[in-house]
Amino acid sequence: MLPLSAHFDQFLRERVYLHNVTPKTAEWYRSVWQVFAKWWATLATDDGTRAVICRSDLQQFVVHLRDRGVKPVSVNCYLRGVNAFCRWLHQEGHIPQPVRLPPLKLEKRLLPLHSERALRLILTHRPKTFIQWRVYAIACTILDAGCRIEELLTARVTDFDFDNLLLTVVGKGRKQRKVPFSVELRKTLFRFEQIKKKAGVASDLMFPSRDRGKWEHRNARRSYYVFLRELGLPRSGFHLLRHHADCRIMPTSAALRLPTAEIERFQTA
């Protein structure tokens, strides 16, 4: 009987070559397996192998994670990966019965949001340099279009249809979708393109690094922290901006109710 690790290797190969999962998804499966395999080794038989999983094993695994202080939302992440592997084991005939454990119940909490003051400070900021304009423009794009930061870091200038106000992005699972954006965001991005040319940053990417390549996530996050610190705002991630996407955040947004003087100053920035 093959050890469980050999079955997982085959499972992952099929996920990559037959199901065409992304490299990030494959890496997620590996990280889940590393945690599960380390715990599974404590249940090994005398010959060091064990290939049959039952539902009680998954229950014990969850208890093990909770004893380690793993949060329920993270436990559910591990369970999704292990459940997928167990389903494959049953389909391939390696275990006699289907094995699955339902996710833990999670507390439903209100999404955190920026205050109205924080949004005003972000939107009425007047960037000057290319570095300031880049982080400002990408923050406005997340707020207006609701895109993920990684989707924008790989977005090309040609993905922005300024005539029809549509942005084409490639999201999770390599799924392509079109996202509408506002006229106000078009003004901001058009101005940012002018700033890029003046700075001599010629790139196919909308938000490139100074060397015209991809702006790495960690560097973008660091620049955003500096941006927030300059505005006197607490540190937060790009994802928090997505929670405001439905507000249509640019100056015409009724949700912000910006004074006329501030709107005019923003539009001429």
Protein backbone atom coordinates (compact mmCIF):
# COMPACT_ATOMS: atom_id res chain seq x y z
CA MET A 1 0.00 0.00 0.00
CA LEU A 2 1.44 3.35 -1.01
CA PRO A 3 1.97 5.97 1.67
CA LEU A 4 -0.41 8.90 1.72
CA SER A 5 2.33 11.25 0.52
CA ALA A 6 2.60 9.32 -2.76
CA HIS A 7 -1.15 9.67 -3.28
CA PHE A 8 -0.93 13.40 -2.63
CA ASP A 9 1.83 13.78 -5.22
CA GLN A 10 -0.43 12.14 -7.80
CA PHE A 11 -3.40 14.25 -6.68
CA LEU A 12 -1.40 17.44 -7.12
CA ARG A 13 -0.09 16.42 -10.55
CA GLU A 14 -3.65 15.79 -11.73
CA ARG A 15 -4.78 19.11 -10.32
CA VAL A 16 -2.04 20.89 -12.28
CA TYR A 17 -2.14 18.94 -15.57
CA LEU A 18 -5.79 17.88 -15.80
CA HIS A 19 -7.60 20.64 -13.94
CA ASN A 20 -5.15 23.38 -14.93
CA VAL A 21 -5.06 25.02 -11.50
CA THR A 22 -2.92 28.12 -11.18
CA PRO A 23 0.56 28.01 -9.61
CA LYS A 24 -0.82 29.85 -6.58
CA THR A 25 -3.52 27.22 -6.11
CA ALA A 26 -0.96 24.44 -6.43
CA GLU A 27 1.21 26.16 -3.84
CA TRP A 28 -1.81 26.43 -1.55
CA TYR A 29 -2.42 22.68 -1.83
CA ARG A 30 1.24 22.08 -0.93
CA SER A 31 1.05 24.33 2.13
CA VAL A 32 -2.12 22.57 3.30
CA TRP A 33 -0.47 19.20 2.79
CA GLN A 34 2.64 20.19 4.75
CA VAL A 35 0.55 21.01 7.80
CA PHE A 36 -1.64 17.92 7.44
CA ALA A 37 1.30 15.56 6.73
CA LYS A 38 3.19 16.76 9.80
CA TRP A 39 0.20 15.93 11.97
CA TRP A 40 -0.53 12.71 10.03
CA ALA A 41 2.98 11.44 10.79
CA THR A 42 2.04 11.22 14.47
CA LEU A 43 -0.61 8.62 13.54
CA ALA A 44 1.74 6.44 11.46
CA THR A 45 1.67 2.68 11.92
CA ASP A 46 4.65 0.54 12.90
CA ASP A 47 5.91 0.41 9.31
CA GLY A 48 5.72 4.20 9.07
CA THR A 49 2.87 4.30 6.55
CA ARG A 50 -0.86 4.72 6.62
CA ALA A 51 -3.02 5.40 3.60
CA VAL A 52 -6.63 5.21 4.82
CA ILE A 53 -8.31 8.35 6.12
CA CYS A 54 -11.61 8.33 7.97
CA ARG A 55 -13.88 11.10 9.18
CA SER A 56 -12.64 10.84 12.75
CA ASP A 57 -9.13 11.60 11.47
CA LEU A 58 -10.32 14.90 10.04
CA GLN A 59 -12.09 15.69 13.30
CA GLN A 60 -8.88 15.03 15.21
CA PHE A 61 -6.99 17.22 12.73
CA VAL A 62 -9.39 20.10 13.38
CA VAL A 63 -9.00 19.65 17.14
CA HIS A 64 -5.23 19.67 16.66
CA LEU A 65 -5.38 22.95 14.74
CA ARG A 66 -7.66 24.57 17.29
CA ASP A 67 -5.38 23.46 20.13
CA ARG A 68 -2.55 25.23 18.32
CA GLY A 69 -4.58 28.42 18.33
CA VAL A 70 -5.44 28.40 14.62
CA LYS A 71 -8.44 30.63 13.93
CA PRO A 72 -11.66 29.03 12.62
CA VAL A 73 -11.39 30.84 9.27
CA SER A 74 -7.90 29.37 8.78
CA VAL A 75 -9.11 25.93 9.89
CA ASN A 76 -11.75 26.07 7.16
CA CYS A 77 -9.04 26.92 4.64
CA TYR A 78 -7.14 23.76 5.61
CA LEU A 79 -10.36 21.75 5.50
CA ARG A 80 -11.11 22.81 1.93
CA GLY A 81 -7.78 21.46 0.79
CA VAL A 82 -7.98 18.22 2.79
CA ASN A 83 -11.60 17.62 1.73
CA ALA A 84 -10.60 17.97 -1.93
CA PHE A 85 -7.78 15.45 -1.43
CA CYS A 86 -10.11 13.00 0.36
CA ARG A 87 -12.69 13.29 -2.41
CA TRP A 88 -9.98 12.40 -4.93
CA LEU A 89 -8.88 9.43 -2.79
CA HIS A 90 -12.43 8.06 -2.83
CA GLN A 91 -12.89 8.65 -6.57
CA GLU A 92 -9.65 6.79 -7.27
CA GLY A 93 -10.67 3.90 -5.02
CA HIS A 94 -7.97 4.45 -2.41
CA ILE A 95 -10.49 4.78 0.43
CA PRO A 96 -13.78 2.83 0.58
CA GLN A 97 -16.08 5.60 1.78
CA PRO A 98 -16.28 9.30 0.93
CA VAL A 99 -14.75 11.43 3.67
CA ARG A 100 -15.66 15.05 4.21
CA LEU A 101 -15.90 17.39 7.17
CA PRO A 102 -18.12 20.47 6.98
CA PRO A 103 -16.52 23.85 7.69
CA LEU A 104 -16.68 25.40 11.12
CA LYS A 105 -19.33 28.02 11.72
CA LEU A 106 -17.91 31.52 11.65
CA GLU A 107 -19.04 34.68 13.35
CA LYS A 108 -20.61 37.14 10.94
CA ARG A 109 -19.06 40.54 11.44
CA LEU A 110 -19.49 43.87 9.73
CA LEU A 111 -16.78 44.65 7.24
CA PRO A 112 -14.29 47.27 8.46
CA LEU A 113 -14.48 50.57 6.62
CA HIS A 114 -12.49 53.76 6.37
CA SER A 115 -14.09 56.74 8.02
CA GLU A 116 -15.52 59.52 5.88
CA ARG A 117 -12.63 61.72 6.99
CA ALA A 118 -10.09 59.10 5.85
CA LEU A 119 -11.72 58.83 2.42
CA ARG A 120 -11.68 62.58 2.05
CA LEU A 121 -8.00 62.73 2.88
CA ILE A 122 -7.21 60.01 0.34
CA LEU A 123 -9.30 61.47 -2.47
CA THR A 124 -8.30 65.11 -2.00
CA HIS A 125 -4.60 64.32 -1.74
CA ARG A 126 -2.51 66.21 -4.27
CA PRO A 127 0.40 64.01 -5.40
CA LYS A 128 3.40 65.61 -7.03
CA THR A 129 6.05 63.01 -7.86
CA PHE A 130 5.70 59.83 -9.89
CA ILE A 131 5.99 57.75 -6.70
CA GLN A 132 3.17 59.67 -5.04
CA TRP A 133 1.01 59.59 -8.14
CA ARG A 134 1.41 55.85 -8.60
CA VAL A 135 0.18 54.86 -5.14
CA TYR A 136 -2.54 57.51 -5.27
CA ALA A 137 -3.78 56.35 -8.68
CA ILE A 138 -3.85 52.68 -7.73
CA ALA A 139 -5.70 53.47 -4.49
CA CYS A 140 -8.32 55.43 -6.45
CA THR A 141 -8.66 52.55 -8.93
CA ILE A 142 -9.30 50.02 -6.17
CA LEU A 143 -11.86 52.32 -4.58
CA ASP A 144 -13.66 53.01 -7.83
CA ALA A 145 -13.49 49.64 -9.62
CA GLY A 146 -13.20 47.29 -6.64
CA CYS A 147 -10.30 45.33 -8.13
CA ARG A 148 -7.80 43.31 -6.15
CA ILE A 149 -4.34 44.79 -5.83
CA GLU A 150 -2.70 41.88 -7.68
CA GLU A 151 -5.14 42.33 -10.56
CA LEU A 152 -4.01 45.94 -10.97
CA LEU A 153 -0.31 45.24 -10.57
CA THR A 154 -0.50 43.02 -13.66
CA ALA A 155 -2.98 45.20 -15.59
CA ARG A 156 -1.70 46.73 -18.81
CA VAL A 157 -2.51 50.13 -20.21
CA THR A 158 -4.42 48.45 -23.04
CA ASP A 159 -6.68 46.77 -20.48
CA PHE A 160 -8.18 50.19 -19.69
CA ASP A 161 -10.78 51.12 -22.28
CA PHE A 162 -11.04 54.86 -21.68
CA ASP A 163 -13.67 55.30 -24.39
CA ASN A 164 -16.14 52.81 -22.95
CA LEU A 165 -15.00 53.13 -19.30
CA LEU A 166 -14.26 49.41 -18.95
CA LEU A 167 -11.30 47.66 -17.35
CA THR A 168 -10.40 44.07 -18.30
CA VAL A 169 -8.76 42.17 -15.44
CA VAL A 170 -7.68 38.59 -14.89
CA GLY A 171 -8.76 37.47 -11.42
CA LYS A 172 -8.54 34.33 -9.36
CA GLY A 173 -8.42 31.10 -11.31
CA ARG A 174 -7.29 33.05 -14.39
CA LYS A 175 -10.88 34.19 -14.93
CA GLN A 176 -11.16 37.30 -17.07
CA ARG A 177 -13.84 39.88 -16.42
CA LYS A 178 -14.72 43.44 -17.40
CA VAL A 179 -15.19 46.06 -14.68
CA PRO A 180 -16.77 49.49 -15.25
CA PHE A 181 -15.10 52.60 -13.85
CA SER A 182 -16.09 56.23 -13.54
CA VAL A 183 -15.32 59.28 -15.63
CA GLU A 184 -13.55 60.76 -12.62
CA LEU A 185 -11.20 57.78 -12.44
CA ARG A 186 -10.49 58.18 -16.15
CA LYS A 187 -9.33 61.74 -15.44
CA THR A 188 -7.04 60.52 -12.69
CA LEU A 189 -5.53 57.73 -14.79
CA PHE A 190 -5.11 60.00 -17.81
CA ARG A 191 -3.20 62.46 -15.64
CA PHE A 192 -1.12 59.61 -14.19
CA GLU A 193 -0.17 58.54 -17.73
CA GLN A 194 1.15 62.06 -18.33
CA ILE A 195 3.16 61.88 -15.09
CA LYS A 196 4.65 58.54 -16.19
CA LYS A 197 5.82 60.01 -19.47
CA LYS A 198 7.42 63.00 -17.75
CA ALA A 199 9.19 60.64 -15.36
CA GLY A 200 10.50 58.60 -18.30
CA VAL A 201 8.73 55.43 -17.17
CA ALA A 202 7.62 53.84 -20.44
CA SER A 203 5.88 50.54 -19.73
CA ASP A 204 2.99 48.45 -21.00
CA LEU A 205 1.85 48.12 -17.38
CA MET A 206 -0.48 50.74 -15.97
CA PHE A 207 1.25 50.76 -12.57
CA PRO A 208 4.86 49.76 -13.24
CA SER A 209 7.96 49.94 -11.10
CA ARG A 210 10.57 52.63 -11.72
CA ASP A 211 12.55 50.17 -13.87
CA ARG A 212 9.41 49.65 -16.05
CA GLY A 213 8.81 46.10 -14.80
CA LYS A 214 6.15 44.80 -12.48
CA TRP A 215 5.64 46.72 -9.26
CA GLU A 216 5.98 43.97 -6.67
CA HIS A 217 3.19 43.57 -4.13
CA ARG A 218 5.45 44.05 -1.10
CA ASN A 219 6.85 47.28 -2.56
CA ALA A 220 3.38 48.55 -3.41
CA ARG A 221 2.21 47.78 0.11
CA ARG A 222 5.21 49.59 1.57
CA SER A 223 4.50 52.66 -0.55
CA TYR A 224 0.87 52.58 0.55
CA TYR A 225 1.93 52.52 4.20
CA VAL A 226 4.05 55.62 3.58
CA PHE A 227 1.10 57.23 1.78
CA LEU A 228 -1.21 56.61 4.75
CA ARG A 229 1.41 57.83 7.22
CA GLU A 230 1.78 61.10 5.31
CA LEU A 231 -1.98 61.55 5.52
CA GLY A 232 -1.96 60.85 9.25
CA LEU A 233 -4.04 57.67 8.84
CA PRO A 234 -3.51 54.32 10.59
CA ARG A 235 -1.82 51.53 8.66
CA SER A 236 -4.16 49.29 6.66
CA GLY A 237 -3.96 47.17 3.53
CA PHE A 238 -5.17 47.74 0.00
CA HIS A 239 -7.98 45.23 0.54
CA LEU A 240 -9.76 47.59 2.92
CA LEU A 241 -10.27 49.96 0.00
CA ARG A 242 -12.32 47.29 -1.83
CA HIS A 243 -14.99 47.48 0.87
CA HIS A 244 -15.85 50.96 -0.41
CA ALA A 245 -16.06 50.04 -4.09
CA ASP A 246 -19.86 50.13 -4.18
CA CYS A 247 -19.81 53.77 -3.07
CA ARG A 248 -18.36 54.96 -6.40
CA ILE A 249 -15.80 56.89 -4.42
CA MET A 250 -14.72 59.61 -6.80
CA PRO A 251 -15.71 63.27 -6.28
CA THR A 252 -19.27 62.90 -7.60
CA SER A 253 -20.07 60.30 -4.94
CA ALA A 254 -22.99 61.31 -2.78
CA ALA A 255 -21.63 59.08 -0.06
CA LEU A 256 -18.70 61.41 0.53
CA ARG A 257 -20.52 64.72 0.18
CA LEU A 258 -17.27 66.60 -0.43
CA PRO A 259 -17.47 70.41 -0.34
CA THR A 260 -17.48 72.04 -3.77
CA ALA A 261 -14.10 73.68 -3.19
CA GLU A 262 -12.50 70.32 -2.41
CA ILE A 263 -14.05 68.71 -5.48
CA GLU A 264 -12.72 71.44 -7.75
CA ARG A 265 -9.28 71.21 -6.17
CA PHE A 266 -9.29 67.41 -6.67
CA GLN A 267 -10.32 67.67 -10.31
CA THR A 268 -7.55 70.13 -11.07
CA ALA A 269 -4.89 68.12 -9.21
